Amino acid sequence: MEKIKQMVDVNTVVGDPITTPDGTTVIPISRVNYGFAAGGSDLPSKAAPAAGLFAGGSGAGITITPIAFLAIQNGSIRVLQIEPYFSSVDRALEKMPDVVDKISSLFD
């Protein structure tokens, strides 16, 4: 568990900013999924019927999938989504930077 905790931190979900030559800053956003499984069984022993044999195993897996990029250029923020929209909430979150920009321009 400690090794998985070391691999999956905030820098895995929100990546390091990358600045392009034209001044645009791109920040990768990823989805992190991980899971665990374990199982075991007592098996009868032919050599010693009173003593059973134990068989067991466990495993873990991690998937890191890039889902979007935040592009910051000239004070404007855009969300560049890689995956298709799964719900209306995804669409609303994608439009949020535009809404914030429009509201802030009203106060300027």
N, C-alpha and C. Protein backbone atom coordinates (compact mmCIF):
# COMPACT_ATOMS: atom_id res chain seq x y z
N MET A 1 0.83 -1.20 0.00
CA MET A 1 0.00 0.00 0.00
C MET A 1 0.87 1.25 0.00
N GLU A 2 1.97 1.22 0.73
CA GLU A 2 2.84 2.39 0.81
C GLU A 2 3.45 2.70 -0.55
N LYS A 3 3.83 1.69 -1.32
CA LYS A 3 4.42 1.90 -2.65
C LYS A 3 3.39 2.51 -3.59
N ILE A 4 2.15 2.06 -3.52
CA ILE A 4 1.08 2.62 -4.37
C ILE A 4 0.81 4.06 -3.97
N LYS A 5 0.82 4.35 -2.68
CA LYS A 5 0.61 5.71 -2.21
C LYS A 5 1.70 6.64 -2.74
N GLN A 6 2.94 6.14 -2.82
CA GLN A 6 4.03 6.95 -3.35
C GLN A 6 3.85 7.23 -4.84
N MET A 7 3.32 6.25 -5.58
CA MET A 7 3.15 6.43 -7.03
C MET A 7 2.00 7.36 -7.36
N VAL A 8 0.94 7.33 -6.57
CA VAL A 8 -0.26 8.11 -6.87
C VAL A 8 -0.32 9.29 -5.91
N ASP A 9 0.12 10.45 -6.36
CA ASP A 9 0.01 11.66 -5.57
C ASP A 9 -0.66 12.73 -6.43
N VAL A 10 -0.77 13.93 -5.91
CA VAL A 10 -1.47 14.99 -6.64
C VAL A 10 -0.78 15.31 -7.96
N ASN A 11 0.54 15.13 -8.05
CA ASN A 11 1.25 15.40 -9.29
C ASN A 11 0.92 14.40 -10.38
N THR A 12 0.37 13.25 -10.01
CA THR A 12 -0.07 12.28 -11.00
C THR A 12 -1.39 12.72 -11.62
N VAL A 13 -2.29 13.27 -10.82
CA VAL A 13 -3.60 13.70 -11.31
C VAL A 13 -3.49 15.03 -12.04
N VAL A 14 -2.86 16.00 -11.43
CA VAL A 14 -2.63 17.30 -12.05
C VAL A 14 -1.13 17.37 -12.33
N GLY A 15 -0.75 17.24 -13.60
CA GLY A 15 0.65 17.16 -13.96
C GLY A 15 1.39 18.48 -13.86
N ASP A 16 2.69 18.40 -14.10
CA ASP A 16 3.53 19.59 -14.07
C ASP A 16 3.21 20.49 -15.27
N PRO A 17 3.17 21.80 -15.08
CA PRO A 17 2.88 22.72 -16.18
C PRO A 17 3.99 22.68 -17.23
N ILE A 18 3.58 22.79 -18.49
CA ILE A 18 4.50 22.82 -19.62
C ILE A 18 4.26 24.15 -20.34
N THR A 19 5.33 24.93 -20.55
CA THR A 19 5.20 26.21 -21.23
C THR A 19 5.74 26.07 -22.65
N THR A 20 4.90 26.43 -23.63
CA THR A 20 5.29 26.35 -25.03
C THR A 20 6.03 27.62 -25.44
N PRO A 21 6.73 27.61 -26.58
CA PRO A 21 7.47 28.81 -27.02
C PRO A 21 6.60 30.06 -27.20
N ASP A 22 5.30 29.89 -27.51
CA ASP A 22 4.46 31.07 -27.69
C ASP A 22 3.88 31.60 -26.38
N GLY A 23 4.28 31.01 -25.24
CA GLY A 23 3.84 31.51 -23.95
C GLY A 23 2.63 30.80 -23.38
N THR A 24 2.07 29.85 -24.10
CA THR A 24 0.93 29.09 -23.60
C THR A 24 1.41 28.08 -22.57
N THR A 25 0.71 27.99 -21.44
CA THR A 25 1.01 27.01 -20.42
C THR A 25 -0.03 25.90 -20.50
N VAL A 26 0.43 24.67 -20.58
CA VAL A 26 -0.44 23.50 -20.69
C VAL A 26 -0.24 22.64 -19.45
N ILE A 27 -1.36 22.30 -18.78
CA ILE A 27 -1.31 21.46 -17.58
C ILE A 27 -2.12 20.19 -17.86
N PRO A 28 -1.48 19.01 -17.85
CA PRO A 28 -2.21 17.77 -18.08
C PRO A 28 -3.01 17.35 -16.84
N ILE A 29 -4.20 16.82 -17.09
CA ILE A 29 -5.08 16.30 -16.04
C ILE A 29 -5.32 14.83 -16.36
N SER A 30 -5.16 13.96 -15.35
CA SER A 30 -5.32 12.51 -15.57
C SER A 30 -6.31 11.93 -14.58
N ARG A 31 -6.85 10.79 -14.96
CA ARG A 31 -7.71 10.01 -14.08
C ARG A 31 -6.87 8.84 -13.57
N VAL A 32 -6.92 8.60 -12.27
CA VAL A 32 -6.17 7.51 -11.68
C VAL A 32 -7.15 6.51 -11.08
N ASN A 33 -7.07 5.25 -11.51
CA ASN A 33 -7.89 4.17 -10.98
C ASN A 33 -6.95 3.11 -10.41
N TYR A 34 -7.31 2.57 -9.28
CA TYR A 34 -6.54 1.46 -8.76
C TYR A 34 -7.47 0.51 -8.04
N GLY A 35 -7.07 -0.75 -7.99
CA GLY A 35 -7.91 -1.77 -7.37
C GLY A 35 -7.05 -2.87 -6.76
N PHE A 36 -7.67 -3.59 -5.86
CA PHE A 36 -7.00 -4.66 -5.15
C PHE A 36 -7.88 -5.90 -5.15
N ALA A 37 -7.25 -7.05 -5.13
CA ALA A 37 -7.99 -8.31 -5.04
C ALA A 37 -7.17 -9.29 -4.22
N ALA A 38 -7.86 -10.12 -3.47
CA ALA A 38 -7.18 -11.14 -2.68
C ALA A 38 -8.14 -12.32 -2.52
N GLY A 39 -7.58 -13.48 -2.38
CA GLY A 39 -8.41 -14.67 -2.20
C GLY A 39 -7.59 -15.81 -1.65
N GLY A 40 -8.26 -16.79 -1.13
CA GLY A 40 -7.57 -17.95 -0.58
C GLY A 40 -8.53 -19.09 -0.36
N SER A 41 -7.96 -20.28 -0.12
CA SER A 41 -8.79 -21.46 0.08
C SER A 41 -8.00 -22.49 0.87
N ASP A 42 -8.70 -23.27 1.67
CA ASP A 42 -8.11 -24.43 2.34
C ASP A 42 -8.37 -25.64 1.47
N LEU A 43 -7.32 -26.38 1.17
CA LEU A 43 -7.43 -27.57 0.33
C LEU A 43 -7.14 -28.81 1.16
N PRO A 44 -7.86 -29.89 0.90
CA PRO A 44 -7.57 -31.13 1.64
C PRO A 44 -6.22 -31.69 1.22
N SER A 45 -5.53 -32.33 2.16
CA SER A 45 -4.23 -32.94 1.90
C SER A 45 -4.38 -34.45 1.93
N LYS A 46 -3.84 -35.14 0.91
CA LYS A 46 -3.89 -36.60 0.88
C LYS A 46 -2.85 -37.20 1.83
N ALA A 47 -1.73 -36.49 2.00
CA ALA A 47 -0.65 -37.00 2.85
C ALA A 47 -1.03 -36.92 4.32
N ALA A 48 -1.60 -35.84 4.74
CA ALA A 48 -2.00 -35.65 6.14
C ALA A 48 -3.44 -35.15 6.16
N PRO A 49 -4.43 -36.07 6.22
CA PRO A 49 -5.83 -35.66 6.11
C PRO A 49 -6.27 -34.67 7.18
N ALA A 50 -5.64 -34.69 8.33
CA ALA A 50 -6.07 -33.77 9.39
C ALA A 50 -5.57 -32.35 9.13
N ALA A 51 -4.48 -32.23 8.38
CA ALA A 51 -3.91 -30.90 8.11
C ALA A 51 -4.25 -30.48 6.68
N GLY A 52 -4.90 -29.38 6.54
CA GLY A 52 -5.25 -28.89 5.21
C GLY A 52 -4.14 -28.01 4.66
N LEU A 53 -4.13 -27.80 3.37
CA LEU A 53 -3.18 -26.92 2.73
C LEU A 53 -3.88 -25.60 2.40
N PHE A 54 -3.16 -24.54 2.53
CA PHE A 54 -3.73 -23.23 2.23
C PHE A 54 -3.13 -22.73 0.93
N ALA A 55 -3.97 -22.23 0.05
CA ALA A 55 -3.52 -21.59 -1.19
C ALA A 55 -4.16 -20.21 -1.24
N GLY A 56 -3.38 -19.22 -1.61
CA GLY A 56 -3.92 -17.87 -1.66
C GLY A 56 -3.11 -16.98 -2.58
N GLY A 57 -3.65 -15.86 -2.85
CA GLY A 57 -2.96 -14.90 -3.70
C GLY A 57 -3.60 -13.54 -3.59
N SER A 58 -2.86 -12.54 -4.05
CA SER A 58 -3.39 -11.19 -4.06
C SER A 58 -2.76 -10.43 -5.21
N GLY A 59 -3.36 -9.31 -5.53
CA GLY A 59 -2.83 -8.49 -6.62
C GLY A 59 -3.37 -7.08 -6.53
N ALA A 60 -2.71 -6.20 -7.26
CA ALA A 60 -3.13 -4.80 -7.31
C ALA A 60 -2.82 -4.27 -8.69
N GLY A 61 -3.57 -3.28 -9.10
CA GLY A 61 -3.33 -2.67 -10.41
C GLY A 61 -3.66 -1.19 -10.39
N ILE A 62 -2.94 -0.44 -11.22
CA ILE A 62 -3.15 1.01 -11.33
C ILE A 62 -3.28 1.35 -12.81
N THR A 63 -4.23 2.22 -13.13
CA THR A 63 -4.38 2.74 -14.48
C THR A 63 -4.37 4.26 -14.40
N ILE A 64 -3.49 4.88 -15.17
CA ILE A 64 -3.43 6.33 -15.25
C ILE A 64 -3.79 6.73 -16.67
N THR A 65 -4.90 7.47 -16.84
CA THR A 65 -5.41 7.83 -18.15
C THR A 65 -5.49 9.34 -18.28
N PRO A 66 -4.82 9.92 -19.28
CA PRO A 66 -4.98 11.37 -19.47
C PRO A 66 -6.39 11.67 -19.96
N ILE A 67 -7.04 12.68 -19.36
CA ILE A 67 -8.43 12.98 -19.75
C ILE A 67 -8.60 14.39 -20.29
N ALA A 68 -7.70 15.31 -19.92
CA ALA A 68 -7.87 16.70 -20.38
C ALA A 68 -6.57 17.47 -20.19
N PHE A 69 -6.55 18.66 -20.78
CA PHE A 69 -5.45 19.59 -20.61
C PHE A 69 -6.05 20.96 -20.30
N LEU A 70 -5.43 21.68 -19.38
CA LEU A 70 -5.79 23.08 -19.15
C LEU A 70 -4.79 23.90 -19.95
N ALA A 71 -5.29 24.76 -20.83
CA ALA A 71 -4.43 25.63 -21.63
C ALA A 71 -4.63 27.06 -21.16
N ILE A 72 -3.55 27.69 -20.72
CA ILE A 72 -3.60 29.06 -20.21
C ILE A 72 -2.80 29.93 -21.16
N GLN A 73 -3.49 30.91 -21.79
CA GLN A 73 -2.84 31.78 -22.76
C GLN A 73 -3.40 33.18 -22.61
N ASN A 74 -2.53 34.15 -22.39
CA ASN A 74 -2.92 35.55 -22.25
C ASN A 74 -4.01 35.76 -21.20
N GLY A 75 -3.92 35.06 -20.08
CA GLY A 75 -4.90 35.19 -19.00
C GLY A 75 -6.20 34.46 -19.25
N SER A 76 -6.33 33.76 -20.35
CA SER A 76 -7.53 33.00 -20.68
C SER A 76 -7.26 31.51 -20.44
N ILE A 77 -8.22 30.83 -19.83
CA ILE A 77 -8.08 29.41 -19.53
C ILE A 77 -9.08 28.62 -20.36
N ARG A 78 -8.59 27.58 -21.02
CA ARG A 78 -9.47 26.68 -21.78
C ARG A 78 -9.23 25.25 -21.33
N VAL A 79 -10.29 24.45 -21.33
CA VAL A 79 -10.18 23.03 -21.02
C VAL A 79 -10.24 22.28 -22.34
N LEU A 80 -9.19 21.53 -22.64
CA LEU A 80 -9.15 20.71 -23.86
C LEU A 80 -9.36 19.27 -23.44
N GLN A 81 -10.57 18.80 -23.62
CA GLN A 81 -10.93 17.47 -23.16
C GLN A 81 -10.54 16.42 -24.19
N ILE A 82 -9.94 15.33 -23.74
CA ILE A 82 -9.53 14.25 -24.63
C ILE A 82 -10.66 13.25 -24.82
N GLU A 83 -11.29 12.86 -23.72
CA GLU A 83 -12.37 11.87 -23.77
C GLU A 83 -13.68 12.54 -24.14
N PRO A 84 -14.61 11.77 -24.70
CA PRO A 84 -15.93 12.35 -24.99
C PRO A 84 -16.66 12.68 -23.68
N TYR A 85 -17.62 13.59 -23.77
CA TYR A 85 -18.40 13.96 -22.60
C TYR A 85 -19.31 12.80 -22.21
N PHE A 86 -19.32 12.48 -20.91
CA PHE A 86 -20.18 11.40 -20.44
C PHE A 86 -21.47 11.91 -19.83
N SER A 87 -21.49 13.18 -19.43
CA SER A 87 -22.70 13.70 -18.81
C SER A 87 -22.75 15.21 -19.00
N SER A 88 -23.87 15.78 -18.61
CA SER A 88 -24.02 17.23 -18.70
C SER A 88 -23.11 17.94 -17.69
N VAL A 89 -22.75 17.27 -16.62
CA VAL A 89 -21.83 17.85 -15.64
C VAL A 89 -20.46 18.05 -16.29
N ASP A 90 -20.02 17.09 -17.10
CA ASP A 90 -18.75 17.24 -17.82
C ASP A 90 -18.78 18.46 -18.73
N ARG A 91 -19.88 18.65 -19.42
CA ARG A 91 -20.00 19.81 -20.30
C ARG A 91 -19.99 21.12 -19.50
N ALA A 92 -20.67 21.13 -18.37
CA ALA A 92 -20.71 22.34 -17.53
C ALA A 92 -19.32 22.67 -17.00
N LEU A 93 -18.57 21.67 -16.58
CA LEU A 93 -17.22 21.91 -16.08
C LEU A 93 -16.31 22.41 -17.19
N GLU A 94 -16.52 21.93 -18.41
CA GLU A 94 -15.71 22.38 -19.54
C GLU A 94 -15.97 23.85 -19.85
N LYS A 95 -17.20 24.31 -19.66
CA LYS A 95 -17.57 25.70 -19.95
C LYS A 95 -17.28 26.65 -18.81
N MET A 96 -16.96 26.14 -17.64
CA MET A 96 -16.76 26.98 -16.46
C MET A 96 -15.71 28.08 -16.65
N PRO A 97 -14.52 27.82 -17.22
CA PRO A 97 -13.57 28.92 -17.40
C PRO A 97 -14.11 30.05 -18.27
N ASP A 98 -14.90 29.73 -19.32
CA ASP A 98 -15.49 30.77 -20.16
C ASP A 98 -16.47 31.62 -19.38
N VAL A 99 -17.26 30.98 -18.53
CA VAL A 99 -18.24 31.70 -17.72
C VAL A 99 -17.52 32.64 -16.74
N VAL A 100 -16.46 32.14 -16.10
CA VAL A 100 -15.71 32.97 -15.16
C VAL A 100 -15.08 34.15 -15.89
N ASP A 101 -14.54 33.93 -17.09
CA ASP A 101 -13.96 35.02 -17.88
C ASP A 101 -15.01 36.09 -18.21
N LYS A 102 -16.20 35.66 -18.60
CA LYS A 102 -17.26 36.61 -18.96
C LYS A 102 -17.74 37.39 -17.75
N ILE A 103 -17.86 36.72 -16.62
CA ILE A 103 -18.31 37.41 -15.41
C ILE A 103 -17.26 38.41 -14.94
N SER A 104 -15.98 38.01 -15.00
CA SER A 104 -14.92 38.93 -14.57
C SER A 104 -14.80 40.12 -15.51
N SER A 105 -15.12 39.93 -16.80
CA SER A 105 -15.04 41.07 -17.74
C SER A 105 -16.18 42.06 -17.47
N LEU A 106 -17.29 41.59 -16.92
CA LEU A 106 -18.39 42.49 -16.57
C LEU A 106 -17.96 43.46 -15.47
N PHE A 107 -17.14 42.99 -14.54
CA PHE A 107 -16.71 43.81 -13.42
C PHE A 107 -15.54 44.71 -13.79
N ASP A 108 -14.88 44.44 -14.90
CA ASP A 108 -13.76 45.30 -15.35
C ASP A 108 -14.34 46.48 -16.02
